[in-house]
Protein backbone atom coordinates (compact mmCIF):
# COMPACT_ATOMS: atom_id res chain seq x y z
CA MET A 1 -186.65 -4.42 -112.59
CA VAL A 2 -183.16 -4.96 -111.16
CA LEU A 3 -184.01 -8.60 -110.48
CA LYS A 4 -185.24 -9.09 -114.05
CA THR A 5 -182.02 -7.58 -115.40
CA THR A 6 -180.01 -9.93 -113.19
CA TYR A 7 -181.90 -12.96 -114.48
CA LYS A 8 -181.47 -11.81 -118.08
CA LYS A 9 -177.72 -11.52 -117.57
CA ARG A 10 -177.63 -14.97 -115.99
CA LEU A 11 -179.58 -16.36 -118.92
CA ILE A 12 -177.00 -14.89 -121.30
CA ASN A 13 -174.07 -16.09 -119.18
CA LEU A 14 -175.49 -19.61 -119.13
CA PHE A 15 -176.68 -20.06 -122.68
CA PHE A 16 -173.95 -18.23 -124.62
CA PRO A 17 -171.06 -20.55 -123.65
CA LEU A 18 -173.36 -23.54 -124.13
CA MET A 19 -174.29 -22.26 -127.58
CA ILE A 20 -170.67 -21.69 -128.59
CA SER A 21 -169.66 -25.12 -127.29
CA ASN A 22 -172.52 -26.86 -129.09
CA LEU A 23 -171.99 -24.80 -132.24
CA ILE A 24 -168.35 -25.84 -132.35
CA GLY A 25 -169.45 -29.45 -132.00
CA GLN A 26 -172.01 -29.12 -134.79
CA ILE A 27 -169.51 -27.45 -137.12
CA GLN A 28 -167.16 -30.35 -136.42
CA MET A 29 -169.93 -32.81 -137.32
CA LEU A 30 -170.79 -30.82 -140.44
CA ILE A 31 -167.20 -30.86 -141.64
CA ASP A 32 -167.14 -34.59 -140.99
CA ARG A 33 -170.22 -35.02 -143.19
CA VAL A 34 -168.99 -32.56 -145.82
CA PHE A 35 -165.83 -34.64 -146.26
CA LEU A 36 -167.80 -37.88 -146.54
CA GLY A 37 -170.75 -36.54 -148.56
CA ARG A 38 -168.54 -35.07 -151.25
CA MET A 39 -166.81 -38.46 -151.61
CA ASP A 40 -169.99 -40.55 -151.91
CA ILE A 41 -173.66 -39.79 -151.11
CA LEU A 42 -173.94 -43.37 -149.79
CA TYR A 43 -171.56 -42.36 -146.99
CA MET A 44 -174.12 -39.72 -146.02
CA SER A 45 -176.85 -42.36 -145.99
CA ALA A 46 -174.69 -44.51 -143.75
CA VAL A 47 -173.87 -41.64 -141.38
CA GLY A 48 -177.54 -40.61 -141.36
CA ASN A 49 -178.64 -44.10 -140.35
CA ALA A 50 -175.79 -44.62 -137.89
CA SER A 51 -176.00 -41.20 -136.24
CA SER A 52 -179.75 -41.43 -135.75
CA ALA A 53 -179.45 -44.91 -134.23
CA VAL A 54 -176.59 -43.96 -131.92
CA ALA A 55 -178.43 -40.80 -130.86
CA VAL A 56 -181.26 -42.97 -129.56
CA THR A 57 -178.99 -44.38 -126.87
CA ILE A 58 -176.39 -41.70 -126.20
CA THR A 59 -179.01 -39.02 -125.58
CA LEU A 60 -180.66 -41.46 -123.19
CA VAL A 61 -177.59 -41.13 -120.95
CA PHE A 62 -177.50 -37.34 -121.10
CA SER A 63 -181.23 -37.04 -120.58
CA LEU A 64 -181.07 -39.14 -117.43
CA GLY A 65 -179.03 -36.29 -115.98
CA THR A 66 -181.94 -33.89 -116.53
CA GLY A 67 -183.62 -35.07 -113.33
CA ALA A 68 -180.50 -34.33 -111.28
CA SER A 69 -180.15 -30.95 -113.01
CA ILE A 70 -183.70 -29.99 -112.02
CA LEU A 71 -183.32 -31.20 -108.42
CA ILE A 72 -179.96 -29.47 -108.02
CA SER A 73 -181.33 -26.21 -109.45
CA GLN A 74 -184.35 -26.36 -107.16
CA ALA A 75 -182.05 -26.96 -104.17
CA VAL A 76 -180.00 -23.92 -105.23
CA GLY A 77 -183.21 -21.87 -105.43
CA GLU A 78 -184.13 -23.06 -101.93
CA GLY A 79 -180.67 -22.04 -100.68
CA ASP A 80 -179.80 -25.64 -99.66
CA GLU A 81 -176.20 -26.07 -100.89
CA VAL A 82 -175.67 -29.37 -99.07
CA LYS A 83 -178.64 -30.98 -100.81
CA ALA A 84 -177.46 -29.68 -104.19
CA LYS A 85 -173.99 -31.21 -103.72
CA ASP A 86 -175.44 -34.51 -102.50
CA TYR A 87 -177.46 -34.86 -105.70
CA ALA A 88 -174.40 -33.94 -107.78
CA ALA A 89 -172.28 -36.53 -105.95
CA SER A 90 -174.77 -39.32 -106.64
CA LEU A 91 -174.85 -38.35 -110.33
CA LEU A 92 -171.06 -38.38 -110.64
CA LEU A 93 -170.84 -41.84 -109.09
CA TYR A 94 -173.74 -43.77 -110.59
CA GLN A 95 -174.14 -42.17 -114.01
CA ASN A 96 -171.42 -44.41 -115.50
CA VAL A 97 -173.20 -47.77 -115.26
CA LEU A 98 -175.51 -47.55 -118.29
CA PRO A 99 -172.82 -46.30 -120.73
CA ILE A 100 -170.75 -49.46 -120.21
CA CYS A 101 -173.75 -51.58 -121.23
CA LEU A 102 -174.37 -49.39 -124.27
CA PHE A 103 -170.75 -49.76 -125.38
CA PHE A 104 -171.10 -53.55 -125.58
CA LEU A 105 -174.52 -53.24 -127.25
CA TRP A 106 -173.18 -51.17 -130.15
CA MET A 107 -169.83 -52.89 -130.43
CA PHE A 108 -171.37 -56.33 -130.93
CA GLY A 109 -175.07 -55.78 -131.70
CA SER A 110 -174.94 -53.13 -134.44
CA PRO A 111 -175.44 -55.55 -137.41
CA VAL A 112 -178.74 -56.80 -135.98
CA ILE A 113 -179.94 -53.28 -135.14
CA PHE A 114 -179.27 -51.87 -138.60
CA ARG A 115 -180.85 -54.85 -140.37
CA LEU A 116 -183.98 -54.32 -138.29
CA LEU A 117 -184.00 -50.73 -139.55
CA GLY A 118 -184.05 -51.95 -143.14
CA VAL A 119 -180.46 -50.98 -143.98
CA GLU A 120 -178.97 -53.15 -146.72
CA GLY A 121 -175.99 -53.58 -149.03
CA ASP A 122 -173.03 -51.22 -148.94
CA VAL A 123 -174.83 -48.77 -146.67
CA LEU A 124 -175.23 -51.55 -144.05
CA ASN A 125 -171.52 -52.36 -144.16
CA TYR A 126 -170.60 -48.69 -143.82
CA CYS A 127 -172.97 -48.31 -140.84
CA ILE A 128 -171.46 -51.27 -138.99
CA ILE A 129 -167.89 -50.08 -139.56
CA TYR A 130 -168.71 -46.52 -138.51
CA VAL A 131 -170.47 -47.48 -135.27
CA ARG A 132 -167.91 -50.05 -134.15
CA TYR A 133 -165.12 -47.49 -134.31
CA LEU A 134 -167.36 -44.91 -132.65
CA SER A 135 -168.70 -47.11 -129.81
CA PRO A 136 -165.88 -46.35 -127.27
CA VAL A 137 -167.34 -42.83 -127.03
CA PHE A 138 -170.21 -44.34 -125.00
CA LEU A 139 -167.78 -45.01 -122.16
CA LEU A 140 -167.34 -41.25 -121.78
CA SER A 141 -170.99 -40.25 -121.94
CA GLY A 142 -171.88 -40.91 -118.29
CA MET A 143 -169.12 -38.80 -116.78
CA GLY A 144 -169.51 -36.19 -119.51
CA SER A 145 -173.19 -35.70 -118.75
CA ALA A 146 -172.52 -35.51 -114.99
CA LEU A 147 -169.77 -32.89 -115.38
CA ALA A 148 -171.99 -30.83 -117.70
CA VAL A 149 -174.79 -30.81 -115.10
CA CYS A 150 -172.40 -29.66 -112.36
CA LEU A 151 -170.99 -26.87 -114.52
CA GLN A 152 -174.43 -25.74 -115.67
CA THR A 153 -176.04 -25.72 -112.22
CA SER A 154 -173.00 -23.83 -110.91
CA ASN A 155 -173.69 -21.17 -113.58
CA ASN A 156 -170.19 -21.75 -114.96
CA THR A 157 -170.43 -23.05 -118.53
CA ARG A 158 -167.39 -21.24 -119.95
CA PRO A 159 -165.07 -24.29 -119.67
CA LEU A 160 -167.39 -26.05 -122.12
CA VAL A 161 -166.29 -23.60 -124.84
CA PHE A 162 -162.64 -24.64 -124.61
CA TYR A 163 -163.73 -28.24 -124.27
CA GLY A 164 -165.59 -27.91 -127.57
CA LEU A 165 -162.67 -26.18 -129.26
CA ILE A 166 -160.25 -28.93 -128.29
CA ARG A 167 -162.55 -31.77 -129.37
CA SER A 168 -163.61 -30.15 -132.60
CA GLY A 169 -160.20 -28.84 -133.60
CA LEU A 170 -158.68 -32.28 -133.14
CA ASN A 171 -161.59 -33.92 -134.92
CA VAL A 172 -161.32 -31.72 -138.02
CA PHE A 173 -157.56 -32.28 -138.22
CA LEU A 174 -157.91 -36.04 -137.76
CA ASP A 175 -160.81 -36.16 -140.24
CA TYR A 176 -158.64 -34.54 -142.88
CA ALA A 177 -155.76 -36.86 -142.06
CA LEU A 178 -157.62 -40.15 -141.69
CA ILE A 179 -160.47 -39.85 -144.22
CA PHE A 180 -158.27 -38.73 -147.12
CA GLY A 181 -154.91 -40.17 -146.02
CA ASN A 182 -153.05 -36.89 -145.51
CA PHE A 183 -149.90 -36.16 -143.44
CA GLY A 184 -148.64 -39.70 -143.95
CA PHE A 185 -151.75 -41.39 -142.50
CA PRO A 186 -153.52 -44.20 -144.38
CA LYS A 187 -156.67 -43.34 -146.39
CA MET A 188 -159.50 -44.78 -144.24
CA ASP A 189 -162.68 -43.17 -145.66
CA ILE A 190 -165.69 -43.64 -143.32
CA THR A 191 -163.57 -45.63 -140.85
CA GLY A 192 -161.27 -42.64 -140.50
CA ALA A 193 -164.23 -40.36 -139.73
CA ALA A 194 -165.38 -42.55 -136.83
CA LEU A 195 -161.86 -43.06 -135.49
CA ALA A 196 -161.16 -39.32 -135.62
CA THR A 197 -164.27 -38.64 -133.53
CA THR A 198 -163.36 -41.27 -130.95
CA ILE A 199 -159.77 -40.05 -130.49
CA SER A 200 -160.81 -36.38 -130.19
CA GLU A 201 -163.59 -37.22 -127.69
CA PHE A 202 -161.17 -39.06 -125.40
CA LEU A 203 -158.61 -36.25 -125.48
CA GLY A 204 -161.37 -33.71 -124.84
CA ALA A 205 -162.61 -35.77 -121.90
CA ILE A 206 -159.17 -35.62 -120.29
CA TYR A 207 -159.19 -31.82 -120.56
CA ILE A 208 -162.66 -31.22 -119.09
CA SER A 209 -162.01 -33.69 -116.25
CA VAL A 210 -158.82 -31.87 -115.24
CA VAL A 211 -160.58 -28.49 -115.42
CA PHE A 212 -163.42 -29.75 -113.25
CA LEU A 213 -161.09 -31.22 -110.64
CA LEU A 214 -159.01 -28.04 -110.38
CA ASN A 215 -161.91 -25.57 -110.36
CA LYS A 216 -162.65 -24.48 -106.78
CA LYS A 217 -165.44 -22.02 -107.66
CA LEU A 218 -168.16 -24.49 -108.67
CA SER A 219 -170.98 -24.05 -106.17
CA THR A 220 -172.53 -27.48 -106.80
CA LYS A 221 -169.26 -29.44 -107.05
CA PRO A 222 -169.15 -32.11 -104.31
CA ALA A 223 -166.05 -33.10 -102.37
CA PHE A 224 -164.34 -36.44 -103.07
CA HIS A 225 -165.68 -38.01 -99.89
CA GLN A 226 -169.23 -37.02 -100.89
CA VAL A 227 -168.83 -38.79 -104.22
CA PHE A 228 -167.38 -41.95 -102.67
CA HIS A 229 -170.20 -42.09 -100.10
CA ALA A 230 -172.96 -40.89 -102.42
CA LYS A 231 -176.38 -42.39 -101.77
CA LEU A 232 -177.92 -44.55 -104.45
CA THR A 233 -181.35 -43.42 -103.23
CA LEU A 234 -180.61 -39.83 -104.32
CA TYR A 235 -179.56 -41.01 -107.77
CA LEU A 236 -182.70 -43.11 -108.05
CA LYS A 237 -184.78 -40.07 -107.04
CA SER A 238 -183.17 -37.98 -109.76
CA ILE A 239 -183.58 -40.87 -112.22
CA LYS A 240 -187.28 -41.06 -111.33
CA LEU A 241 -187.56 -37.46 -112.50
CA GLY A 242 -185.03 -37.75 -115.30
CA ILE A 243 -186.39 -40.99 -116.77
CA ASN A 244 -189.28 -39.09 -118.27
CA ALA A 245 -186.87 -36.72 -120.03
CA ALA A 246 -184.74 -39.68 -121.12
CA LEU A 247 -187.75 -41.55 -122.46
CA GLU A 248 -188.86 -38.35 -124.18
CA GLU A 249 -185.54 -38.16 -126.00
CA LEU A 250 -185.65 -41.88 -126.68
CA THR A 251 -189.16 -41.57 -128.10
CA TRP A 252 -188.12 -38.67 -130.35
CA ASN A 253 -185.10 -40.57 -131.62
CA MET A 254 -187.10 -43.75 -132.15
CA GLY A 255 -189.58 -41.72 -134.18
CA ASN A 256 -186.68 -40.27 -136.16
CA LEU A 257 -185.33 -43.78 -136.74
CA MET A 258 -188.71 -44.86 -138.10
CA ILE A 259 -188.66 -41.84 -140.39
CA ILE A 260 -185.21 -42.93 -141.61
CA ALA A 261 -186.56 -46.44 -142.17
CA ILE A 262 -189.42 -45.00 -144.26
CA LEU A 263 -186.91 -42.93 -146.25
CA ASN A 264 -184.83 -46.05 -146.91
CA THR A 265 -187.82 -47.50 -148.79
CA ILE A 266 -187.94 -44.51 -151.17
CA ASP A 267 -184.40 -44.88 -152.55
CA ASP A 268 -180.82 -45.26 -151.32
CA LYS A 269 -180.19 -41.48 -151.44
CA ALA A 270 -183.25 -40.35 -149.49
CA ALA A 271 -181.68 -40.94 -146.06
CA GLY A 272 -178.59 -39.08 -147.24
CA VAL A 273 -180.65 -36.04 -148.28
CA TYR A 274 -182.48 -36.13 -144.94
CA SER A 275 -179.13 -36.32 -143.15
CA ILE A 276 -177.90 -33.22 -145.01
CA LEU A 277 -181.03 -31.24 -144.16
CA PHE A 278 -180.96 -32.43 -140.56
CA SER A 279 -177.32 -31.30 -140.29
CA LEU A 280 -178.20 -27.81 -141.49
CA GLU A 281 -181.16 -27.65 -139.10
CA LEU A 282 -178.89 -28.59 -136.19
CA LEU A 283 -176.81 -25.45 -136.69
CA SER A 284 -179.89 -23.33 -136.00
CA THR A 285 -181.11 -25.61 -133.22
CA VAL A 286 -177.80 -25.23 -131.37
CA ALA A 287 -178.61 -21.72 -130.13
CA ILE A 288 -182.20 -22.61 -129.29
CA GLY A 289 -181.14 -25.82 -127.54
CA ALA A 290 -178.61 -23.87 -125.46
CA LEU A 291 -181.37 -21.44 -124.52
CA GLY A 292 -183.48 -24.42 -123.53
CA SER A 293 -180.76 -25.80 -121.26
CA ALA A 294 -180.33 -22.41 -119.59
CA THR A 295 -184.11 -22.15 -119.23
CA VAL A 296 -184.29 -25.49 -117.39
CA THR A 297 -181.65 -24.33 -114.91
CA LEU A 298 -183.10 -20.88 -114.20
CA THR A 299 -186.76 -21.89 -114.16
CA GLY A 300 -185.73 -24.71 -111.84
CA GLU A 301 -184.18 -22.16 -109.48
CA ALA A 302 -187.25 -19.92 -109.78
CA SER A 303 -189.47 -22.91 -109.05
CA GLY A 304 -187.40 -23.85 -105.99
CA ALA A 305 -187.60 -20.24 -104.76
CA LYS A 306 -191.36 -20.14 -105.53
CA ASN A 307 -190.79 -17.06 -107.68
CA PHE A 308 -193.53 -17.37 -110.31
CA GLN A 309 -192.86 -13.92 -111.81
CA MET A 310 -189.27 -14.84 -112.61
CA PHE A 311 -190.36 -18.23 -113.91
CA ARG A 312 -192.59 -16.61 -116.53
CA TYR A 313 -190.12 -13.82 -117.32
CA ILE A 314 -187.24 -16.23 -118.01
CA THR A 315 -189.40 -18.30 -120.34
CA LYS A 316 -190.76 -15.29 -122.21
CA THR A 317 -187.25 -13.87 -122.72
CA ALA A 318 -185.81 -17.17 -123.95
CA ALA A 319 -188.81 -17.68 -126.29
CA THR A 320 -188.35 -14.22 -127.82
CA TRP A 321 -184.68 -14.86 -128.51
CA SER A 322 -185.43 -18.28 -130.00
CA VAL A 323 -187.92 -16.77 -132.47
CA ALA A 324 -185.20 -14.35 -133.60
CA VAL A 325 -182.87 -17.28 -134.25
CA ALA A 326 -185.56 -19.16 -136.20
CA THR A 327 -186.23 -16.06 -138.32
CA GLY A 328 -182.54 -15.71 -139.15
CA ALA A 329 -182.33 -19.39 -140.10
CA LEU A 330 -185.33 -19.17 -142.45
CA ILE A 331 -183.90 -16.09 -144.18
CA LEU A 332 -180.57 -17.87 -144.64
CA TYR A 333 -182.23 -20.99 -146.07
CA CYS A 334 -184.30 -18.93 -148.51
CA VAL A 335 -181.44 -16.73 -149.74
CA PHE A 336 -178.59 -19.27 -149.96
CA PRO A 337 -180.14 -22.74 -150.38
CA HIS A 338 -177.91 -23.97 -153.21
CA GLN A 339 -174.75 -22.78 -151.51
CA LEU A 340 -175.65 -24.42 -148.20
CA LEU A 341 -176.60 -27.73 -149.80
CA GLY A 342 -173.53 -27.58 -152.04
CA PHE A 343 -171.27 -27.94 -149.00
CA PHE A 344 -172.49 -31.52 -148.58
CA THR A 345 -172.87 -32.87 -152.10
CA THR A 346 -171.78 -32.08 -155.66
CA ASP A 347 -174.78 -33.91 -157.15
CA PRO A 348 -176.80 -31.17 -158.95
CA ASP A 349 -180.01 -33.23 -158.93
CA VAL A 350 -179.80 -33.78 -155.18
CA ILE A 351 -179.21 -30.05 -154.59
CA ALA A 352 -182.05 -28.93 -156.86
CA GLY A 353 -184.51 -31.40 -155.37
CA SER A 354 -183.64 -30.50 -151.78
CA VAL A 355 -184.22 -26.72 -151.89
CA ILE A 356 -187.94 -26.88 -151.11
CA TYR A 357 -187.30 -29.25 -148.20
CA LEU A 358 -184.67 -26.91 -146.77
CA ILE A 359 -187.23 -24.07 -146.77
CA LEU A 360 -189.74 -26.35 -145.02
CA VAL A 361 -187.07 -27.07 -142.40
CA GLY A 362 -186.73 -23.31 -141.85
CA ILE A 363 -190.49 -22.87 -141.43
CA ASN A 364 -190.53 -25.77 -138.98
CA MET A 365 -187.90 -24.04 -136.81
CA PHE A 366 -190.56 -21.73 -135.31
CA SER A 367 -192.62 -24.57 -133.89
CA LYS A 368 -189.50 -26.47 -132.89
CA SER A 369 -188.15 -23.46 -130.98
CA GLY A 370 -191.45 -23.15 -129.14
CA ASN A 371 -191.33 -26.80 -128.11
CA ILE A 372 -187.73 -26.49 -126.91
CA ILE A 373 -188.17 -23.35 -124.79
CA VAL A 374 -191.67 -23.94 -123.44
CA GLY A 375 -190.86 -27.61 -122.88
CA SER A 376 -187.73 -26.64 -120.93
CA ALA A 377 -189.80 -24.37 -118.67
CA ILE A 378 -192.31 -27.15 -118.04
CA ARG A 379 -189.43 -29.44 -117.05
CA GLY A 380 -187.95 -26.70 -114.85
CA SER A 381 -191.21 -26.60 -112.92
CA GLY A 382 -190.58 -30.26 -112.05
CA ASN A 383 -193.04 -31.77 -114.54
CA THR A 384 -191.10 -34.05 -116.89
CA LEU A 385 -193.99 -36.45 -117.48
CA TRP A 386 -195.99 -34.00 -119.59
CA MET A 387 -193.25 -33.60 -122.20
CA LEU A 388 -192.86 -37.38 -122.40
CA MET A 389 -196.58 -37.77 -123.06
CA THR A 390 -196.72 -35.16 -125.81
CA GLN A 391 -193.53 -36.48 -127.42
CA ALA A 392 -194.84 -40.06 -127.36
CA MET A 393 -198.09 -39.03 -129.02
CA GLY A 394 -196.15 -36.92 -131.49
CA ALA A 395 -193.77 -39.75 -132.42
CA VAL A 396 -196.63 -42.15 -133.08
CA GLY A 397 -198.47 -39.48 -135.04
CA VAL A 398 -195.56 -38.37 -137.22
CA VAL A 399 -194.62 -41.94 -138.17
CA ALA A 400 -198.24 -42.86 -138.92
CA VAL A 401 -198.84 -39.74 -141.03
CA ALA A 402 -195.50 -40.11 -142.84
CA ALA A 403 -196.25 -43.77 -143.63
CA LEU A 404 -199.71 -42.81 -144.91
CA LEU A 405 -198.40 -40.03 -147.14
CA VAL A 406 -195.51 -42.10 -148.48
CA PHE A 407 -197.03 -45.57 -148.92
CA VAL A 408 -200.68 -44.70 -149.64
CA PHE A 409 -200.53 -41.30 -151.33
CA ASP A 410 -197.05 -41.88 -152.82
CA LEU A 411 -195.79 -38.39 -151.89
CA GLY A 412 -192.22 -39.53 -151.26
CA MET A 413 -190.01 -37.15 -149.27
CA THR A 414 -192.65 -34.42 -149.50
CA GLY A 415 -194.94 -36.60 -147.39
CA VAL A 416 -192.23 -37.11 -144.78
CA PHE A 417 -191.56 -33.39 -144.36
CA ALA A 418 -195.27 -32.57 -144.30
CA ALA A 419 -195.71 -35.07 -141.46
CA VAL A 420 -192.79 -33.57 -139.51
CA LEU A 421 -194.16 -30.03 -139.90
CA LEU A 422 -197.63 -31.09 -138.74
CA ASP A 423 -196.22 -32.91 -135.71
CA GLU A 424 -194.02 -30.06 -134.52
CA THR A 425 -196.78 -27.46 -134.94
CA SER A 426 -199.47 -29.43 -133.12
CA ARG A 427 -197.17 -30.22 -130.17
CA ALA A 428 -196.13 -26.56 -129.91
CA CYS A 429 -199.77 -25.55 -129.49
CA VAL A 430 -200.44 -28.24 -126.88
CA ASN A 431 -197.30 -27.46 -124.86
CA LEU A 432 -198.01 -23.72 -124.87
CA ALA A 433 -201.50 -24.39 -123.51
CA LYS A 434 -200.01 -26.50 -120.71
CA PHE A 435 -197.41 -23.83 -119.86
CA ARG A 436 -200.12 -21.21 -119.45
CA LYS A 437 -201.77 -23.38 -116.79
CA ILE A 438 -198.65 -23.63 -114.58
CA ARG A 439 -199.13 -21.86 -111.26
CA PHE A 440 -197.30 -21.74 -107.93
CA GLU A 441 -197.44 -19.13 -105.21
CA SER A 442 -194.52 -16.73 -105.00
CA ASN A 443 -192.70 -16.18 -101.72
């Protein structure tokens, strides 16, 4: 009983700062979209297309760190501190190669990418401008993901709260200044939104780097000499495990991009409406996603220690809390739909037509929360391939069903949301069945 209480406290101590940090970031993004959406719904379509496309690649970088996070957590569970720091050192050194390539890809290749996605006219021009000013952020993603893994596996995520406050506070201020031309700055519209994000991300990166370097209490933080002499083989081993998680994220984002492409064929506002609904969903997903991250770390430790009882207990606790969050989100969407949608657009037709979809998003949160928590536990056990397989099948299925309902049955956005709900529910059932089959002998 004492051990269970200890793990519950550790789960809270891990996920709560992560949740606050991510929530701050999402509020920042929401304010960014509120400013743009109330100016022109086409800006929302542009941000929806651009954000989804960028997410395909930037989450690839962060997901590659999942393998190192699992291996470090398992080493901590085994009581092997040297091994844990060796894996962390290799991540800190080699995680910066891919982001440099991605920076050049988006800086110079964005017009081709967006045309392939079916973006046209003014929305295409807005997308290109937005991404080109945002692309320097890729240069920070490798180190940012490595530092986050070290903080998380050291059970010290509190610095991420202040990191989020600094980034988001600066971003909101710069959004207000650069989008609208306040405080003597030029009025830059969507360009100002992207530039504000880039500046705030770089200043935030300076803060978290200094905090990490000065913090002497991080149990998985390697010494400088370990980083400089880090073995590429250890990074490749973590990549071998993390590539499945990265491809899983990539597959999900590619599926989301295809959904955006289908929406672009409906009308020029459809992607904007989807972007609004997706933004509101993200606020609820923040808490559940933070629980998922904490679940990966603690189930990884339990797996390394061969403590099956704790493995199941951590997952059950996190799942219970995630259902509570999903319930709260659904109630909020049902009671205040017009007010929530009204933050993003003043178009009464868009608001009225989006209410039913917002409620469907709330219903979908239950299956989504199950996939996040149960999927995190499956990864914590060391099996990242399973989640890739189910996500790949889900992405193909959701795009195929959405295309069928939109192009054959002419159901428009209703068909898209029906396909998303079916996909999330079916994968939740499959992943739960897999989780129930996990076994390892306790020490």
